[in-house]
Amino acid sequence: MESFDLRGKVVFIEDYDMRIARAMVSGVDVWLNTPRRPLEASGTSGMKAAANGALNLSVLDGWWAEGWARYGNEVGWAIGRGEEYTDAQGDHVEAEELYDLLEREVVPLFFQRDGVPGTEARRGANQVARDRLPRAWIKRMKAAISKLVPDFNTARMVREYAERFYVPSIRLSHEMMDEALAGATKLASWKQRVREAWPLVEIKDLTTSSPNELKVGEAMRVEASVQLGPLTPGDVAVELYHGPTAGGHELLRGEVVRMRLAGNGIAPGLYRFTGEIPTKDSGAHAFSARVMPWNASMSHPYETSLVRWA
């Protein structure tokens, strides 16, 4: 087997500490991260590298999937388009994509050092020749710092955790426990009522007035007739679950749209709900509808473990 001399070109650092990590994230030009999607927990090292002007070159997983979705090539490069593989063949595919990116985009951009076009008359040809700065690369560095750092950082993460989870949890705890557990007692009574009525809940009809084929950007309008028995529309959430498919009915990824109550009841216990499914991508898509219990005092939407599909 042919061997390669990598001395001076590749360095392996095992079990490095915070001191070495600080030097790494502040001293590199490209931050390469190649996890097997979707196993990356977050990838915070890439955030720290971006804060120092490094450009991320990564599989679309963890935070980079969101960063890339917002800004694209303006702040770095993506390996693949978010595909998930079930075997090692995916490693081969992504390795080829990585080498192609390095050869065709990353390395040429880094060594593109032609000075600033149109400045010869102002500064003189000799000054431009001595400049030799990678202007396009620096532009991406500045974009990475200005666009990524304000959103992808620990301060934002802690603030968002507090606003979305910690503070609501504390409020809900007080609602449940204050006044001799009045809130918890009321919620338990509601759950009991919902469980007793749930066998009567049924999606009777699911229709769409839109054609089978839509243009990207057009919305599909869907109507559902739902039998709730003794429950009211305020006791449930009726949702559309939709997404792209490989041609069958199994969704590659799913998104949820909350349906709205359309007028008064059609008949005792029977209600009509409407909703619109946005079309963001071309290709085959599928959808269904589901009903789940809903109460503002629940800690999460699946607390009752009850669901009724169309």
Protein backbone atom coordinates (compact mmCIF):
# COMPACT_ATOMS: atom_id res chain seq x y z
CA MET A 1 0.00 0.00 0.00
CA GLU A 2 1.31 3.44 -0.95
CA SER A 3 2.32 5.55 2.04
CA PHE A 4 2.20 9.31 2.41
CA ASP A 5 4.46 11.51 4.48
CA LEU A 6 2.09 13.65 6.55
CA ARG A 7 4.70 15.09 8.90
CA GLY A 8 4.27 18.84 9.12
CA LYS A 9 0.93 18.63 7.32
CA VAL A 10 -1.41 16.73 9.66
CA VAL A 11 -1.37 16.92 13.45
CA PHE A 12 -3.40 14.64 15.75
CA ILE A 13 -4.19 16.11 19.17
CA GLU A 14 -5.60 13.64 21.70
CA ASP A 15 -7.54 14.66 24.82
CA TYR A 16 -6.79 18.34 24.38
CA ASP A 17 -7.79 20.74 27.15
CA MET A 18 -9.40 24.19 27.25
CA ARG A 19 -6.07 25.97 26.81
CA ILE A 20 -5.27 24.14 23.59
CA ALA A 21 -8.87 24.40 22.38
CA ARG A 22 -8.68 28.18 22.80
CA ALA A 23 -5.62 28.30 20.57
CA MET A 24 -7.30 26.06 18.01
CA VAL A 25 -10.57 27.94 17.63
CA SER A 26 -8.78 31.29 17.46
CA GLY A 27 -6.05 30.21 15.06
CA VAL A 28 -7.61 28.17 12.26
CA ASP A 29 -9.02 29.35 8.94
CA VAL A 30 -11.50 26.49 8.35
CA TRP A 31 -13.38 24.54 11.01
CA LEU A 32 -14.12 21.06 9.65
CA ASN A 33 -16.82 19.04 11.41
CA THR A 34 -17.96 15.72 9.92
CA PRO A 35 -20.45 13.98 12.26
CA ARG A 36 -22.83 11.31 11.07
CA ARG A 37 -26.16 13.10 10.89
CA PRO A 38 -28.20 13.18 13.14
CA LEU A 39 -25.77 12.22 15.93
CA GLU A 40 -24.16 15.65 16.51
CA ALA A 41 -25.34 16.99 19.87
CA SER A 42 -24.70 20.65 19.06
CA GLY A 43 -21.24 21.44 17.72
CA THR A 44 -20.48 24.42 19.94
CA SER A 45 -16.79 24.36 18.98
CA GLY A 46 -17.83 25.56 15.53
CA MET A 47 -19.64 28.51 17.13
CA LYS A 48 -16.47 29.50 19.00
CA ALA A 49 -14.44 29.17 15.82
CA ALA A 50 -16.91 31.41 13.96
CA ALA A 51 -16.55 34.05 16.69
CA ASN A 52 -12.86 34.18 15.73
CA GLY A 53 -13.54 34.47 12.02
CA ALA A 54 -13.04 30.82 11.08
CA LEU A 55 -15.29 29.52 8.31
CA ASN A 56 -17.26 26.37 9.06
CA LEU A 57 -17.16 23.44 6.63
CA SER A 58 -19.51 20.87 8.09
CA VAL A 59 -22.17 18.26 7.67
CA LEU A 60 -25.61 19.82 8.16
CA ASP A 61 -26.12 18.71 11.75
CA GLY A 62 -26.27 20.41 15.13
CA TRP A 63 -26.21 24.20 15.12
CA TRP A 64 -24.66 24.38 11.63
CA ALA A 65 -27.85 23.06 10.03
CA GLU A 66 -29.68 26.15 11.33
CA GLY A 67 -26.82 28.53 10.57
CA TRP A 68 -26.50 27.26 7.01
CA ALA A 69 -30.27 27.41 6.46
CA ARG A 70 -30.19 31.13 7.34
CA TYR A 71 -27.09 32.34 5.51
CA GLY A 72 -25.77 29.61 3.18
CA ASN A 73 -22.43 30.08 1.40
CA GLU A 74 -22.18 33.59 2.79
CA VAL A 75 -20.70 32.24 6.04
CA GLY A 76 -19.15 28.87 5.12
CA TRP A 77 -19.83 25.59 3.34
CA ALA A 78 -22.12 22.60 3.80
CA ILE A 79 -21.23 18.97 3.16
CA GLY A 80 -24.35 17.45 1.62
CA ARG A 81 -27.88 18.74 1.98
CA GLY A 82 -28.97 17.12 5.21
CA GLU A 83 -29.17 13.53 4.00
CA GLU A 84 -29.13 10.71 6.56
CA TYR A 85 -27.50 7.38 5.78
CA THR A 86 -28.02 4.02 7.45
CA ASP A 87 -24.63 2.50 6.57
CA ALA A 88 -21.00 3.41 5.93
CA GLN A 89 -21.77 4.19 2.31
CA GLY A 90 -22.77 7.63 3.51
CA ASP A 91 -19.22 8.22 4.76
CA HIS A 92 -17.91 7.58 1.26
CA VAL A 93 -20.48 9.91 -0.33
CA GLU A 94 -19.76 12.75 2.09
CA ALA A 95 -15.99 12.25 1.80
CA GLU A 96 -16.24 12.74 -1.97
CA GLU A 97 -18.36 15.86 -1.44
CA LEU A 98 -15.81 17.19 1.05
CA TYR A 99 -12.86 16.67 -1.30
CA ASP A 100 -14.81 18.29 -4.13
CA LEU A 101 -15.62 21.34 -1.98
CA LEU A 102 -12.01 21.70 -0.88
CA GLU A 103 -10.68 21.43 -4.43
CA ARG A 104 -13.24 23.57 -6.22
CA GLU A 105 -14.26 26.20 -3.66
CA VAL A 106 -12.44 26.36 -0.33
CA VAL A 107 -8.78 26.20 -1.40
CA PRO A 108 -9.16 28.42 -4.52
CA LEU A 109 -10.98 31.07 -2.49
CA PHE A 110 -8.30 31.06 0.22
CA PHE A 111 -5.47 31.56 -2.30
CA GLN A 112 -7.32 34.14 -4.41
CA ARG A 113 -5.15 37.11 -3.50
CA ASP A 114 -5.31 39.57 -6.37
CA GLY A 115 -5.57 42.83 -4.45
CA VAL A 116 -8.55 45.11 -4.79
CA PRO A 117 -9.74 45.55 -8.40
CA GLY A 118 -9.84 49.14 -9.59
CA THR A 119 -7.48 50.55 -6.96
CA GLU A 120 -4.33 50.69 -9.12
CA ALA A 121 -4.92 54.31 -10.10
CA ARG A 122 -5.48 55.40 -6.51
CA ARG A 123 -2.76 53.48 -4.70
CA GLY A 124 -0.37 52.47 -7.42
CA ALA A 125 0.32 49.06 -8.94
CA ASN A 126 3.21 48.31 -6.58
CA GLN A 127 1.07 48.79 -3.49
CA VAL A 128 -1.66 46.52 -4.92
CA ALA A 129 0.94 43.86 -5.71
CA ARG A 130 2.21 43.97 -2.13
CA ASP A 131 -1.32 43.83 -0.71
CA ARG A 132 -2.13 40.26 -1.74
CA LEU A 133 -4.93 39.86 0.82
CA PRO A 134 -7.66 37.22 0.27
CA ARG A 135 -10.41 39.82 0.02
CA ALA A 136 -13.26 37.39 -0.78
CA TRP A 137 -12.18 35.14 2.09
CA ILE A 138 -12.04 38.06 4.51
CA LYS A 139 -15.51 39.11 3.40
CA ARG A 140 -16.84 35.70 4.45
CA MET A 141 -14.96 35.91 7.75
CA LYS A 142 -16.62 39.23 8.51
CA ALA A 143 -20.02 37.82 7.51
CA ALA A 144 -19.52 34.79 9.78
CA ILE A 145 -18.71 37.03 12.75
CA SER A 146 -21.47 39.58 12.16
CA LYS A 147 -24.26 37.15 11.26
CA LEU A 148 -23.56 33.96 13.21
CA VAL A 149 -22.13 35.20 16.48
CA PRO A 150 -25.16 37.26 17.65
CA ASP A 151 -27.47 34.23 17.36
CA PHE A 152 -25.26 31.20 17.97
CA ASN A 153 -23.70 31.75 21.36
CA THR A 154 -24.10 30.66 24.97
CA ALA A 155 -25.76 33.92 26.06
CA ARG A 156 -28.52 33.47 23.51
CA MET A 157 -28.85 29.78 24.42
CA VAL A 158 -29.23 30.44 28.15
CA ARG A 159 -31.68 33.30 27.51
CA GLU A 160 -33.77 31.12 25.20
CA TYR A 161 -33.75 28.21 27.65
CA ALA A 162 -34.92 30.56 30.40
CA GLU A 163 -37.66 32.14 28.27
CA ARG A 164 -38.93 28.93 26.67
CA PHE A 165 -38.45 26.38 29.43
CA TYR A 166 -37.27 27.51 32.88
CA VAL A 167 -39.57 30.49 33.46
CA PRO A 168 -42.70 28.76 32.04
CA SER A 169 -41.88 25.72 34.17
CA ILE A 170 -41.71 27.83 37.32
CA ARG A 171 -44.98 29.57 36.45
CA LEU A 172 -46.70 26.26 35.75
CA SER A 173 -45.40 24.85 39.01
CA HIS A 174 -46.99 27.71 40.93
CA GLU A 175 -50.25 27.29 39.01
CA MET A 176 -50.36 23.62 39.93
CA MET A 177 -49.34 23.89 43.59
CA ASP A 178 -50.81 27.17 44.84
CA GLU A 179 -54.06 27.21 46.83
CA ALA A 180 -53.75 23.65 48.06
CA LEU A 181 -52.97 22.14 44.66
CA ALA A 182 -56.08 23.67 43.06
CA GLY A 183 -54.52 23.77 39.59
CA ALA A 184 -53.27 20.19 39.76
CA THR A 185 -56.68 18.99 40.95
CA LYS A 186 -58.44 20.78 38.11
CA LEU A 187 -56.00 19.37 35.51
CA ALA A 188 -56.39 15.83 36.85
CA SER A 189 -60.18 16.15 36.63
CA TRP A 190 -59.91 17.39 33.05
CA LYS A 191 -57.64 14.48 32.08
CA GLN A 192 -60.11 12.00 33.54
CA ARG A 193 -62.96 13.56 31.55
CA VAL A 194 -60.90 13.47 28.34
CA ARG A 195 -59.88 9.82 28.81
CA GLU A 196 -63.48 8.75 29.35
CA ALA A 197 -64.62 10.59 26.21
CA TRP A 198 -61.67 9.66 23.99
CA PRO A 199 -63.16 6.45 22.49
CA LEU A 200 -65.83 8.68 20.88
CA VAL A 201 -63.30 11.01 19.21
CA GLU A 202 -62.97 10.40 15.48
CA ILE A 203 -61.94 12.24 12.32
CA LYS A 204 -64.97 11.55 10.15
CA ASP A 205 -63.83 13.18 6.94
CA LEU A 206 -60.63 14.72 5.54
CA THR A 207 -60.84 16.59 2.23
CA THR A 208 -58.97 19.15 0.18
CA SER A 209 -60.29 21.60 -2.37
CA SER A 210 -56.83 22.04 -3.91
CA PRO A 211 -55.57 20.08 -6.95
CA ASN A 212 -53.25 17.12 -6.50
CA GLU A 213 -50.41 19.08 -8.09
CA LEU A 214 -49.41 22.50 -6.74
CA LYS A 215 -46.72 25.00 -7.58
CA VAL A 216 -44.08 25.68 -4.95
CA GLY A 217 -45.38 28.58 -2.87
CA GLU A 218 -49.06 27.66 -3.21
CA ALA A 219 -50.87 26.36 -0.13
CA MET A 220 -53.07 23.28 0.02
CA ARG A 221 -56.35 23.94 1.84
CA VAL A 222 -57.60 21.02 3.93
CA GLU A 223 -60.87 20.53 5.82
CA ALA A 224 -61.61 17.96 8.52
CA SER A 225 -64.88 16.95 10.14
CA VAL A 226 -64.16 15.84 13.69
CA GLN A 227 -66.50 14.03 16.08
CA LEU A 228 -65.63 15.06 19.65
CA GLY A 229 -68.51 13.51 21.56
CA PRO A 230 -68.94 15.35 24.87
CA LEU A 231 -65.65 17.23 24.43
CA THR A 232 -65.44 20.78 23.05
CA PRO A 233 -63.03 22.24 20.46
CA GLY A 234 -61.23 23.92 23.36
CA ASP A 235 -60.31 20.50 24.74
CA VAL A 236 -58.35 19.40 21.68
CA ALA A 237 -55.78 20.42 19.10
CA VAL A 238 -56.52 19.34 15.52
CA GLU A 239 -53.35 19.26 13.45
CA LEU A 240 -52.14 18.51 9.94
CA TYR A 241 -49.00 16.39 9.80
CA HIS A 242 -47.25 16.71 6.43
CA GLY A 243 -43.94 16.37 4.65
CA PRO A 244 -42.04 15.00 1.63
CA THR A 245 -42.05 11.29 0.79
CA ALA A 246 -39.95 8.95 -1.32
CA GLY A 247 -43.05 8.25 -3.40
CA GLY A 248 -45.13 6.32 -0.85
CA HIS A 249 -46.94 7.42 2.29
CA GLU A 250 -44.02 7.35 4.74
CA LEU A 251 -42.77 10.87 5.43
CA LEU A 252 -39.04 11.58 5.19
CA ARG A 253 -39.56 14.37 7.72
CA GLY A 254 -42.74 15.75 9.23
CA GLU A 255 -44.05 19.22 10.04
CA VAL A 256 -47.18 20.24 11.94
CA VAL A 257 -49.83 22.83 11.11
CA ARG A 258 -52.53 23.66 13.67
CA MET A 259 -56.02 23.65 12.15
CA ARG A 260 -58.66 26.26 13.00
CA LEU A 261 -62.27 25.81 14.04
CA ALA A 262 -64.56 26.83 11.16
CA GLY A 263 -67.83 28.17 12.53
CA ASN A 264 -70.22 26.44 14.90
CA GLY A 265 -70.79 22.72 15.19
CA ILE A 266 -72.16 20.89 12.13
CA ALA A 267 -74.18 18.61 14.40
CA PRO A 268 -74.08 17.72 18.09
CA GLY A 269 -70.46 16.90 18.87
CA LEU A 270 -69.37 17.28 15.21
CA TYR A 271 -67.12 20.20 14.22
CA ARG A 272 -65.36 21.36 11.07
CA PHE A 273 -61.70 22.46 11.09
CA THR A 274 -59.66 24.04 8.30
CA GLY A 275 -55.95 24.46 7.69
CA GLU A 276 -53.42 25.20 4.97
CA ILE A 277 -50.30 23.20 4.16
CA PRO A 278 -47.49 25.35 2.74
CA THR A 279 -45.51 23.97 -0.22
CA LYS A 280 -41.84 24.82 0.21
CA ASP A 281 -40.24 22.11 -1.93
CA SER A 282 -41.03 20.24 -5.12
CA GLY A 283 -41.58 16.49 -5.26
CA ALA A 284 -44.04 14.03 -3.75
CA HIS A 285 -45.65 14.99 -0.44
CA ALA A 286 -48.24 13.42 1.82
CA PHE A 287 -50.34 14.53 4.77
CA SER A 288 -52.75 13.31 7.41
CA ALA A 289 -54.64 14.82 10.32
CA ARG A 290 -54.65 14.02 14.03
CA VAL A 291 -56.50 15.06 17.16
CA MET A 292 -54.78 15.36 20.55
CA PRO A 293 -55.99 16.61 23.93
CA TRP A 294 -54.96 20.19 24.62
CA ASN A 295 -54.89 22.13 27.85
CA ALA A 296 -52.81 25.20 28.65
CA SER A 297 -51.86 23.69 32.00
CA MET A 298 -50.15 20.63 30.50
CA SER A 299 -46.37 20.55 30.63
CA HIS A 300 -46.12 19.35 27.01
CA PRO A 301 -48.56 18.40 24.19
CA TYR A 302 -48.09 14.64 24.62
CA GLU A 303 -48.70 14.47 28.35
CA THR A 304 -51.87 12.38 28.04
CA SER A 305 -50.40 9.91 25.48
CA LEU A 306 -53.70 10.14 23.59
CA VAL A 307 -53.94 10.74 19.85
CA ARG A 308 -56.48 9.98 17.14
CA TRP A 309 -55.35 9.85 13.50
CA ALA A 310 -57.45 10.21 10.41
